[in-house]
Each structure stands twice: as structure tokens, then as C-alpha cells.
PDB file of all heavy atoms in Angstrom:
ATOM      1  N   ASN A   1     -26.390 -37.598 -26.152  1.00  0.00           N
ATOM      2  CA  ASN A   1     -27.615 -38.349 -25.890  1.00  0.00           C
ATOM      3  C   ASN A   1     -27.327 -39.654 -25.161  1.00  0.00           C
ATOM      4  O   ASN A   1     -28.142 -40.133 -24.361  1.00  0.00           O
ATOM      5  CB  ASN A   1     -28.337 -38.660 -27.205  1.00  0.00           C
ATOM      6  CG  ASN A   1     -28.719 -37.395 -27.966  1.00  0.00           C
ATOM      7  OD1 ASN A   1     -27.942 -36.933 -28.791  1.00  0.00           O
ATOM      8  ND2 ASN A   1     -29.874 -36.841 -27.669  1.00  0.00           N
ATOM      9  N   TYR A   2     -26.189 -40.247 -25.466  1.00  0.00           N
ATOM     10  CA  TYR A   2     -25.803 -41.523 -24.857  1.00  0.00           C
ATOM     11  C   TYR A   2     -24.337 -41.457 -24.479  1.00  0.00           C
ATOM     12  O   TYR A   2     -23.525 -40.828 -25.160  1.00  0.00           O
ATOM     13  CB  TYR A   2     -26.036 -42.697 -25.811  1.00  0.00           C
ATOM     14  CG  TYR A   2     -27.464 -42.823 -26.263  1.00  0.00           C
ATOM     15  CD1 TYR A   2     -27.862 -42.309 -27.498  1.00  0.00           C
ATOM     16  CD2 TYR A   2     -28.412 -43.436 -25.461  1.00  0.00           C
ATOM     17  CE1 TYR A   2     -29.183 -42.403 -27.919  1.00  0.00           C
ATOM     18  CE2 TYR A   2     -29.728 -43.541 -25.862  1.00  0.00           C
ATOM     19  CZ  TYR A   2     -30.114 -43.019 -27.093  1.00  0.00           C
ATOM     20  OH  TYR A   2     -31.419 -43.109 -27.500  1.00  0.00           O
ATOM     21  N   VAL A   3     -23.999 -42.129 -23.405  1.00  0.00           N
ATOM     22  CA  VAL A   3     -22.611 -42.210 -22.958  1.00  0.00           C
ATOM     23  C   VAL A   3     -22.201 -43.679 -22.930  1.00  0.00           C
ATOM     24  O   VAL A   3     -22.836 -44.507 -22.267  1.00  0.00           O
ATOM     25  CB  VAL A   3     -22.422 -41.589 -21.559  1.00  0.00           C
ATOM     26  CG1 VAL A   3     -20.982 -41.761 -21.095  1.00  0.00           C
ATOM     27  CG2 VAL A   3     -22.783 -40.106 -21.582  1.00  0.00           C
ATOM     28  N   VAL A   4     -21.127 -43.990 -23.670  1.00  0.00           N
ATOM     29  CA  VAL A   4     -20.592 -45.351 -23.740  1.00  0.00           C
ATOM     30  C   VAL A   4     -19.178 -45.345 -23.167  1.00  0.00           C
ATOM     31  O   VAL A   4     -18.310 -44.608 -23.654  1.00  0.00           O
ATOM     32  CB  VAL A   4     -20.561 -45.863 -25.197  1.00  0.00           C
ATOM     33  CG1 VAL A   4     -19.994 -47.281 -25.245  1.00  0.00           C
ATOM     34  CG2 VAL A   4     -21.955 -45.819 -25.812  1.00  0.00           C
ATOM     35  N   ALA A   5     -18.951 -46.116 -22.130  1.00  0.00           N
ATOM     36  CA  ALA A   5     -17.609 -46.226 -21.537  1.00  0.00           C
ATOM     37  C   ALA A   5     -16.908 -47.448 -22.125  1.00  0.00           C
ATOM     38  O   ALA A   5     -17.444 -48.555 -22.091  1.00  0.00           O
ATOM     39  CB  ALA A   5     -17.705 -46.355 -20.025  1.00  0.00           C
ATOM     40  N   LEU A   6     -15.736 -47.232 -22.689  1.00  0.00           N
ATOM     41  CA  LEU A   6     -14.900 -48.341 -23.165  1.00  0.00           C
ATOM     42  C   LEU A   6     -13.893 -48.637 -22.058  1.00  0.00           C
ATOM     43  O   LEU A   6     -12.960 -47.869 -21.838  1.00  0.00           O
ATOM     44  CB  LEU A   6     -14.177 -47.943 -24.460  1.00  0.00           C
ATOM     45  CG  LEU A   6     -15.046 -47.366 -25.581  1.00  0.00           C
ATOM     46  CD1 LEU A   6     -14.194 -47.017 -26.800  1.00  0.00           C
ATOM     47  CD2 LEU A   6     -16.140 -48.354 -25.968  1.00  0.00           C
ATOM     48  N   SER A   7     -14.105 -49.728 -21.353  1.00  0.00           N
ATOM     49  CA  SER A   7     -13.304 -49.986 -20.149  1.00  0.00           C
ATOM     50  C   SER A   7     -12.475 -51.249 -20.278  1.00  0.00           C
ATOM     51  O   SER A   7     -12.808 -52.154 -21.048  1.00  0.00           O
ATOM     52  CB  SER A   7     -14.219 -50.090 -18.919  1.00  0.00           C
ATOM     53  OG  SER A   7     -15.014 -51.245 -18.978  1.00  0.00           O
ATOM     54  N   HIS A   8     -11.385 -51.280 -19.532  1.00  0.00           N
ATOM     55  CA  HIS A   8     -10.551 -52.484 -19.419  1.00  0.00           C
ATOM     56  C   HIS A   8     -10.444 -52.808 -17.932  1.00  0.00           C
ATOM     57  O   HIS A   8      -9.370 -52.869 -17.343  1.00  0.00           O
ATOM     58  CB  HIS A   8      -9.168 -52.226 -20.017  1.00  0.00           C
ATOM     59  CG  HIS A   8      -8.392 -53.474 -20.307  1.00  0.00           C
ATOM     60  ND1 HIS A   8      -8.302 -54.018 -21.559  1.00  0.00           N
ATOM     61  CD2 HIS A   8      -7.689 -54.290 -19.504  1.00  0.00           C
ATOM     62  CE1 HIS A   8      -7.558 -55.107 -21.524  1.00  0.00           C
ATOM     63  NE2 HIS A   8      -7.169 -55.299 -20.271  1.00  0.00           N
ATOM     64  N   LEU A   9     -11.608 -53.003 -17.319  1.00  0.00           N
ATOM     65  CA  LEU A   9     -11.698 -53.184 -15.871  1.00  0.00           C
ATOM     66  C   LEU A   9     -11.904 -54.633 -15.480  1.00  0.00           C
ATOM     67  O   LEU A   9     -11.234 -55.160 -14.602  1.00  0.00           O
ATOM     68  CB  LEU A   9     -12.837 -52.323 -15.318  1.00  0.00           C
ATOM     69  CG  LEU A   9     -12.660 -50.812 -15.475  1.00  0.00           C
ATOM     70  CD1 LEU A   9     -13.947 -50.078 -15.147  1.00  0.00           C
ATOM     71  CD2 LEU A   9     -11.539 -50.327 -14.575  1.00  0.00           C
ATOM     72  N   GLY A  10     -12.873 -55.287 -16.114  1.00  0.00           N
ATOM     73  CA  GLY A  10     -13.119 -56.689 -15.815  1.00  0.00           C
ATOM     74  C   GLY A  10     -14.412 -56.928 -15.073  1.00  0.00           C
ATOM     75  O   GLY A  10     -14.946 -56.047 -14.390  1.00  0.00           O
ATOM     76  N   ASP A  11     -14.903 -58.152 -15.183  1.00  0.00           N
ATOM     77  CA  ASP A  11     -16.161 -58.566 -14.578  1.00  0.00           C
ATOM     78  C   ASP A  11     -15.855 -59.310 -13.286  1.00  0.00           C
ATOM     79  O   ASP A  11     -15.641 -60.519 -13.293  1.00  0.00           O
ATOM     80  CB  ASP A  11     -16.933 -59.466 -15.559  1.00  0.00           C
ATOM     81  CG  ASP A  11     -18.269 -59.927 -15.006  1.00  0.00           C
ATOM     82  OD1 ASP A  11     -19.015 -59.071 -14.506  1.00  0.00           O
ATOM     83  OD2 ASP A  11     -18.559 -61.139 -15.072  1.00  0.00           O
ATOM     84  N   TYR A  12     -15.795 -58.579 -12.166  1.00  0.00           N
ATOM     85  CA  TYR A  12     -15.446 -59.172 -10.877  1.00  0.00           C
ATOM     86  C   TYR A  12     -16.640 -59.156  -9.929  1.00  0.00           C
ATOM     87  O   TYR A  12     -17.448 -58.218  -9.929  1.00  0.00           O
ATOM     88  CB  TYR A  12     -14.287 -58.417 -10.233  1.00  0.00           C
ATOM     89  CG  TYR A  12     -12.965 -58.634 -10.937  1.00  0.00           C
ATOM     90  CD1 TYR A  12     -12.469 -57.690 -11.830  1.00  0.00           C
ATOM     91  CD2 TYR A  12     -12.217 -59.783 -10.712  1.00  0.00           C
ATOM     92  CE1 TYR A  12     -11.256 -57.889 -12.473  1.00  0.00           C
ATOM     93  CE2 TYR A  12     -11.011 -59.997 -11.351  1.00  0.00           C
ATOM     94  CZ  TYR A  12     -10.527 -59.037 -12.237  1.00  0.00           C
ATOM     95  OH  TYR A  12      -9.327 -59.242 -12.869  1.00  0.00           O
ATOM     96  N   LEU A  13     -16.731 -60.180  -9.097  1.00  0.00           N
ATOM     97  CA  LEU A  13     -17.771 -60.254  -8.075  1.00  0.00           C
ATOM     98  C   LEU A  13     -17.442 -59.338  -6.905  1.00  0.00           C
ATOM     99  O   LEU A  13     -16.290 -58.948  -6.708  1.00  0.00           O
ATOM    100  CB  LEU A  13     -17.906 -61.693  -7.573  1.00  0.00           C
ATOM    101  CG  LEU A  13     -18.289 -62.761  -8.614  1.00  0.00           C
ATOM    102  CD1 LEU A  13     -18.177 -64.139  -7.990  1.00  0.00           C
ATOM    103  CD2 LEU A  13     -19.681 -62.514  -9.141  1.00  0.00           C
ATOM    104  N   ASP A  14     -18.461 -59.055  -6.089  1.00  0.00           N
ATOM    105  CA  ASP A  14     -18.231 -58.165  -4.956  1.00  0.00           C
ATOM    106  C   ASP A  14     -17.379 -58.805  -3.864  1.00  0.00           C
ATOM    107  O   ASP A  14     -16.931 -58.131  -2.936  1.00  0.00           O
ATOM    108  CB  ASP A  14     -19.556 -57.664  -4.373  1.00  0.00           C
ATOM    109  CG  ASP A  14     -20.494 -58.784  -3.943  1.00  0.00           C
ATOM    110  OD1 ASP A  14     -20.071 -59.963  -3.974  1.00  0.00           O
ATOM    111  OD2 ASP A  14     -21.643 -58.492  -3.578  1.00  0.00           O
ATOM    112  N   THR A  15     -17.126 -60.111  -3.974  1.00  0.00           N
ATOM    113  CA  THR A  15     -16.259 -60.798  -3.017  1.00  0.00           C
ATOM    114  C   THR A  15     -14.794 -60.747  -3.426  1.00  0.00           C
ATOM    115  O   THR A  15     -13.920 -61.175  -2.676  1.00  0.00           O
ATOM    116  CB  THR A  15     -16.680 -62.265  -2.862  1.00  0.00           C
ATOM    117  OG1 THR A  15     -16.728 -62.873  -4.164  1.00  0.00           O
ATOM    118  CG2 THR A  15     -18.043 -62.375  -2.207  1.00  0.00           C
ATOM    119  N   ASP A  16     -14.512 -60.254  -4.630  1.00  0.00           N
ATOM    120  CA  ASP A  16     -13.146 -60.246  -5.138  1.00  0.00           C
ATOM    121  C   ASP A  16     -12.461 -58.939  -4.783  1.00  0.00           C
ATOM    122  O   ASP A  16     -13.087 -57.873  -4.738  1.00  0.00           O
ATOM    123  CB  ASP A  16     -13.158 -60.451  -6.652  1.00  0.00           C
ATOM    124  CG  ASP A  16     -11.775 -60.786  -7.176  1.00  0.00           C
ATOM    125  OD1 ASP A  16     -10.962 -59.868  -7.365  1.00  0.00           O
ATOM    126  OD2 ASP A  16     -11.514 -61.980  -7.388  1.00  0.00           O
ATOM    127  N   SER A  17     -11.159 -58.996  -4.550  1.00  0.00           N
ATOM    128  CA  SER A  17     -10.415 -57.797  -4.136  1.00  0.00           C
ATOM    129  C   SER A  17     -10.384 -56.731  -5.224  1.00  0.00           C
ATOM    130  O   SER A  17     -10.154 -55.562  -4.938  1.00  0.00           O
ATOM    131  CB  SER A  17      -8.981 -58.185  -3.753  1.00  0.00           C
ATOM    132  OG  SER A  17      -8.280 -58.692  -4.869  1.00  0.00           O
ATOM    133  N   TYR A  18     -10.602 -57.140  -6.483  1.00  0.00           N
ATOM    134  CA  TYR A  18     -10.585 -56.177  -7.582  1.00  0.00           C
ATOM    135  C   TYR A  18     -11.965 -55.621  -7.903  1.00  0.00           C
ATOM    136  O   TYR A  18     -12.128 -54.861  -8.847  1.00  0.00           O
ATOM    137  CB  TYR A  18      -9.994 -56.813  -8.848  1.00  0.00           C
ATOM    138  CG  TYR A  18      -8.510 -57.057  -8.738  1.00  0.00           C
ATOM    139  CD1 TYR A  18      -8.009 -58.345  -8.587  1.00  0.00           C
ATOM    140  CD2 TYR A  18      -7.606 -55.991  -8.753  1.00  0.00           C
ATOM    141  CE1 TYR A  18      -6.646 -58.563  -8.463  1.00  0.00           C
ATOM    142  CE2 TYR A  18      -6.247 -56.204  -8.629  1.00  0.00           C
ATOM    143  CZ  TYR A  18      -5.776 -57.488  -8.494  1.00  0.00           C
ATOM    144  OH  TYR A  18      -4.425 -57.698  -8.367  1.00  0.00           O
ATOM    145  N   TYR A  19     -12.978 -55.987  -7.111  1.00  0.00           N
ATOM    146  CA  TYR A  19     -14.345 -55.569  -7.412  1.00  0.00           C
ATOM    147  C   TYR A  19     -14.480 -54.052  -7.532  1.00  0.00           C
ATOM    148  O   TYR A  19     -15.174 -53.538  -8.408  1.00  0.00           O
ATOM    149  CB  TYR A  19     -15.301 -56.097  -6.341  1.00  0.00           C
ATOM    150  CG  TYR A  19     -16.702 -55.555  -6.454  1.00  0.00           C
ATOM    151  CD1 TYR A  19     -17.506 -55.863  -7.557  1.00  0.00           C
ATOM    152  CD2 TYR A  19     -17.226 -54.717  -5.462  1.00  0.00           C
ATOM    153  CE1 TYR A  19     -18.795 -55.346  -7.667  1.00  0.00           C
ATOM    154  CE2 TYR A  19     -18.509 -54.209  -5.567  1.00  0.00           C
ATOM    155  CZ  TYR A  19     -19.289 -54.525  -6.667  1.00  0.00           C
ATOM    156  OH  TYR A  19     -20.553 -54.021  -6.782  1.00  0.00           O
ATOM    157  N   LYS A  20     -13.798 -53.317  -6.650  1.00  0.00           N
ATOM    158  CA  LYS A  20     -13.948 -51.862  -6.655  1.00  0.00           C
ATOM    159  C   LYS A  20     -13.365 -51.219  -7.909  1.00  0.00           C
ATOM    160  O   LYS A  20     -13.587 -50.031  -8.160  1.00  0.00           O
ATOM    161  CB  LYS A  20     -13.313 -51.262  -5.407  1.00  0.00           C
ATOM    162  CG  LYS A  20     -14.081 -51.595  -4.128  1.00  0.00           C
ATOM    163  CD  LYS A  20     -13.485 -50.908  -2.918  1.00  0.00           C
ATOM    164  CE  LYS A  20     -14.302 -51.213  -1.667  1.00  0.00           C
ATOM    165  NZ  LYS A  20     -13.743 -50.542  -0.460  1.00  0.00           N
ATOM    166  N   TYR A  21     -12.613 -51.995  -8.676  1.00  0.00           N
ATOM    167  CA  TYR A  21     -12.080 -51.483  -9.936  1.00  0.00           C
ATOM    168  C   TYR A  21     -12.653 -52.280 -11.111  1.00  0.00           C
ATOM    169  O   TYR A  21     -12.026 -52.426 -12.152  1.00  0.00           O
ATOM    170  CB  TYR A  21     -10.550 -51.541  -9.919  1.00  0.00           C
ATOM    171  CG  TYR A  21      -9.978 -50.656  -8.849  1.00  0.00           C
ATOM    172  CD1 TYR A  21      -9.674 -51.170  -7.594  1.00  0.00           C
ATOM    173  CD2 TYR A  21      -9.799 -49.299  -9.071  1.00  0.00           C
ATOM    174  CE1 TYR A  21      -9.178 -50.346  -6.592  1.00  0.00           C
ATOM    175  CE2 TYR A  21      -9.303 -48.471  -8.080  1.00  0.00           C
ATOM    176  CZ  TYR A  21      -8.990 -49.001  -6.841  1.00  0.00           C
ATOM    177  OH  TYR A  21      -8.514 -48.184  -5.847  1.00  0.00           O
ATOM    178  N   SER A  22     -13.882 -52.777 -10.947  1.00  0.00           N
ATOM    179  CA  SER A  22     -14.543 -53.573 -11.983  1.00  0.00           C
ATOM    180  C   SER A  22     -15.563 -52.731 -12.734  1.00  0.00           C
ATOM    181  O   SER A  22     -15.970 -51.651 -12.291  1.00  0.00           O
ATOM    182  CB  SER A  22     -15.242 -54.779 -11.349  1.00  0.00           C
ATOM    183  OG  SER A  22     -16.366 -54.352 -10.584  1.00  0.00           O
ATOM    184  N   SER A  23     -16.008 -53.244 -13.875  1.00  0.00           N
ATOM    185  CA  SER A  23     -17.063 -52.568 -14.628  1.00  0.00           C
ATOM    186  C   SER A  23     -18.376 -52.591 -13.849  1.00  0.00           C
ATOM    187  O   SER A  23     -19.189 -51.657 -13.946  1.00  0.00           O
ATOM    188  CB  SER A  23     -17.247 -53.238 -15.996  1.00  0.00           C
ATOM    189  OG  SER A  23     -17.476 -54.628 -15.856  1.00  0.00           O
ATOM    190  N   ASN A  24     -18.595 -53.652 -13.050  1.00  0.00           N
ATOM    191  CA  ASN A  24     -19.812 -53.725 -12.233  1.00  0.00           C
ATOM    192  C   ASN A  24     -19.852 -52.589 -11.210  1.00  0.00           C
ATOM    193  O   ASN A  24     -20.887 -51.945 -11.001  1.00  0.00           O
ATOM    194  CB  ASN A  24     -19.885 -55.074 -11.510  1.00  0.00           C
ATOM    195  CG  ASN A  24     -19.921 -56.236 -12.470  1.00  0.00           C
ATOM    196  OD1 ASN A  24     -20.754 -56.286 -13.362  1.00  0.00           O
ATOM    197  ND2 ASN A  24     -19.003 -57.175 -12.314  1.00  0.00           N
ATOM    198  N   TYR A  25     -18.718 -52.346 -10.572  1.00  0.00           N
ATOM    199  CA  TYR A  25     -18.631 -51.277  -9.567  1.00  0.00           C
ATOM    200  C   TYR A  25     -18.781 -49.912 -10.230  1.00  0.00           C
ATOM    201  O   TYR A  25     -19.472 -49.027  -9.704  1.00  0.00           O
ATOM    202  CB  TYR A  25     -17.284 -51.380  -8.848  1.00  0.00           C
ATOM    203  CG  TYR A  25     -17.149 -50.500  -7.627  1.00  0.00           C
ATOM    204  CD1 TYR A  25     -17.544 -50.959  -6.374  1.00  0.00           C
ATOM    205  CD2 TYR A  25     -16.607 -49.219  -7.727  1.00  0.00           C
ATOM    206  CE1 TYR A  25     -17.403 -50.162  -5.240  1.00  0.00           C
ATOM    207  CE2 TYR A  25     -16.471 -48.413  -6.608  1.00  0.00           C
ATOM    208  CZ  TYR A  25     -16.866 -48.893  -5.368  1.00  0.00           C
ATOM    209  OH  TYR A  25     -16.730 -48.096  -4.260  1.00  0.00           O
ATOM    210  N   LEU A  26     -18.144 -49.744 -11.381  1.00  0.00           N
ATOM    211  CA  LEU A  26     -18.248 -48.486 -12.114  1.00  0.00           C
ATOM    212  C   LEU A  26     -19.697 -48.170 -12.445  1.00  0.00           C
ATOM    213  O   LEU A  26     -20.165 -47.040 -12.250  1.00  0.00           O
ATOM    214  CB  LEU A  26     -17.428 -48.566 -13.401  1.00  0.00           C
ATOM    215  CG  LEU A  26     -17.560 -47.411 -14.388  1.00  0.00           C
ATOM    216  CD1 LEU A  26     -17.091 -46.108 -13.760  1.00  0.00           C
ATOM    217  CD2 LEU A  26     -16.787 -47.706 -15.663  1.00  0.00           C
ATOM    218  N   ALA A  27     -20.426 -49.173 -12.930  1.00  0.00           N
ATOM    219  CA  ALA A  27     -21.838 -48.968 -13.276  1.00  0.00           C
ATOM    220  C   ALA A  27     -22.668 -48.631 -12.042  1.00  0.00           C
ATOM    221  O   ALA A  27     -23.517 -47.727 -12.070  1.00  0.00           O
ATOM    222  CB  ALA A  27     -22.392 -50.216 -13.956  1.00  0.00           C
ATOM    223  N   LYS A  28     -22.403 -49.324 -10.949  1.00  0.00           N
ATOM    224  CA  LYS A  28     -23.232 -49.193  -9.746  1.00  0.00           C
ATOM    225  C   LYS A  28     -23.068 -47.846  -9.055  1.00  0.00           C
ATOM    226  O   LYS A  28     -24.032 -47.306  -8.489  1.00  0.00           O
ATOM    227  CB  LYS A  28     -22.887 -50.327  -8.775  1.00  0.00           C
ATOM    228  CG  LYS A  28     -23.749 -50.362  -7.522  1.00  0.00           C
ATOM    229  CD  LYS A  28     -23.396 -51.584  -6.665  1.00  0.00           C
ATOM    230  CE  LYS A  28     -24.262 -51.628  -5.402  1.00  0.00           C
ATOM    231  NZ  LYS A  28     -23.935 -52.810  -4.563  1.00  0.00           N
ATOM    232  N   PHE A  29     -21.880 -47.266  -9.113  1.00  0.00           N
ATOM    233  CA  PHE A  29     -21.607 -46.078  -8.299  1.00  0.00           C
ATOM    234  C   PHE A  29     -21.420 -44.803  -9.113  1.00  0.00           C
ATOM    235  O   PHE A  29     -20.811 -43.846  -8.643  1.00  0.00           O
ATOM    236  CB  PHE A  29     -20.393 -46.341  -7.407  1.00  0.00           C
ATOM    237  CG  PHE A  29     -20.681 -47.333  -6.313  1.00  0.00           C
ATOM    238  CD1 PHE A  29     -20.344 -48.676  -6.458  1.00  0.00           C
ATOM    239  CD2 PHE A  29     -21.331 -46.940  -5.158  1.00  0.00           C
ATOM    240  CE1 PHE A  29     -20.629 -49.597  -5.466  1.00  0.00           C
ATOM    241  CE2 PHE A  29     -21.621 -47.855  -4.156  1.00  0.00           C
ATOM    242  CZ  PHE A  29     -21.275 -49.184  -4.308  1.00  0.00           C
ATOM    243  N   THR A  30     -21.939 -44.800 -10.348  1.00  0.00           N
ATOM    244  CA  THR A  30     -21.957 -43.582 -11.149  1.00  0.00           C
ATOM    245  C   THR A  30     -23.362 -43.365 -11.691  1.00  0.00           C
ATOM    246  O   THR A  30     -24.250 -44.202 -11.519  1.00  0.00           O
ATOM    247  CB  THR A  30     -20.966 -43.664 -12.329  1.00  0.00           C
ATOM    248  OG1 THR A  30     -21.277 -44.828 -13.127  1.00  0.00           O
ATOM    249  CG2 THR A  30     -19.535 -43.736 -11.854  1.00  0.00           C
ATOM    250  N   THR A  31     -23.564 -42.239 -12.348  1.00  0.00           N
ATOM    251  CA  THR A  31     -24.817 -41.963 -13.043  1.00  0.00           C
ATOM    252  C   THR A  31     -24.491 -41.439 -14.432  1.00  0.00           C
ATOM    253  O   THR A  31     -23.421 -40.860 -14.656  1.00  0.00           O
ATOM    254  CB  THR A  31     -25.657 -40.904 -12.301  1.00  0.00           C
ATOM    255  OG1 THR A  31     -24.916 -39.668 -12.244  1.00  0.00           O
ATOM    256  CG2 THR A  31     -26.001 -41.350 -10.897  1.00  0.00           C
ATOM    257  N   GLY A  32     -25.415 -41.667 -15.361  1.00  0.00           N
ATOM    258  CA  GLY A  32     -25.268 -41.087 -16.692  1.00  0.00           C
ATOM    259  C   GLY A  32     -24.636 -41.973 -17.730  1.00  0.00           C
ATOM    260  O   GLY A  32     -24.671 -41.665 -18.920  1.00  0.00           O
ATOM    261  N   ILE A  33     -24.027 -43.087 -17.320  1.00  0.00           N
ATOM    262  CA  ILE A  33     -23.452 -44.020 -18.295  1.00  0.00           C
ATOM    263  C   ILE A  33     -24.557 -44.957 -18.767  1.00  0.00           C
ATOM    264  O   ILE A  33     -25.286 -45.530 -17.961  1.00  0.00           O
ATOM    265  CB  ILE A  33     -22.293 -44.835 -17.680  1.00  0.00           C
ATOM    266  CG1 ILE A  33     -21.154 -43.909 -17.251  1.00  0.00           C
ATOM    267  CG2 ILE A  33     -21.770 -45.874 -18.674  1.00  0.00           C
ATOM    268  CD1 ILE A  33     -20.016 -44.622 -16.527  1.00  0.00           C
ATOM    269  N   ASP A  34     -24.664 -45.117 -20.080  1.00  0.00           N
ATOM    270  CA  ASP A  34     -25.677 -46.008 -20.636  1.00  0.00           C
ATOM    271  C   ASP A  34     -25.135 -47.405 -20.898  1.00  0.00           C
ATOM    272  O   ASP A  34     -25.812 -48.403 -20.630  1.00  0.00           O
ATOM    273  CB  ASP A  34     -26.225 -45.422 -21.946  1.00  0.00           C
ATOM    274  CG  ASP A  34     -26.919 -44.096 -21.735  1.00  0.00           C
ATOM    275  OD1 ASP A  34     -28.044 -44.111 -21.198  1.00  0.00           O
ATOM    276  OD2 ASP A  34     -26.345 -43.055 -22.079  1.00  0.00           O
ATOM    277  N   ILE A  35     -23.919 -47.469 -21.441  1.00  0.00           N
ATOM    278  CA  ILE A  35     -23.335 -48.749 -21.848  1.00  0.00           C
ATOM    279  C   ILE A  35     -21.868 -48.785 -21.438  1.00  0.00           C
ATOM    280  O   ILE A  35     -21.156 -47.784 -21.570  1.00  0.00           O
ATOM    281  CB  ILE A  35     -23.433 -48.940 -23.380  1.00  0.00           C
ATOM    282  CG1 ILE A  35     -24.900 -48.978 -23.829  1.00  0.00           C
ATOM    283  CG2 ILE A  35     -22.707 -50.203 -23.828  1.00  0.00           C
ATOM    284  CD1 ILE A  35     -25.067 -48.886 -25.331  1.00  0.00           C
TER     285      ILE A  35
END
């Protein structure tokens, strides 16, 4: 019913080189994750 990702990615801005491996990027470019 719900999908929770436990991540160790980090909260990076889109201007940072690590953004593509951030929790923000993960949320933005997937579907089905709730938390």
C-alpha cells in the first residue's frame, strides 16, 4: 500500500554536483515512492 525508501543520499540542491544522487533527485525522477 505504501513504499518507504530508507536512503543515505543527502539533501542536495540542483546546483550541486551530487544532486543526481540526492533524495530530491530520487523523488523527482521515480514514481510510486511515498516517503
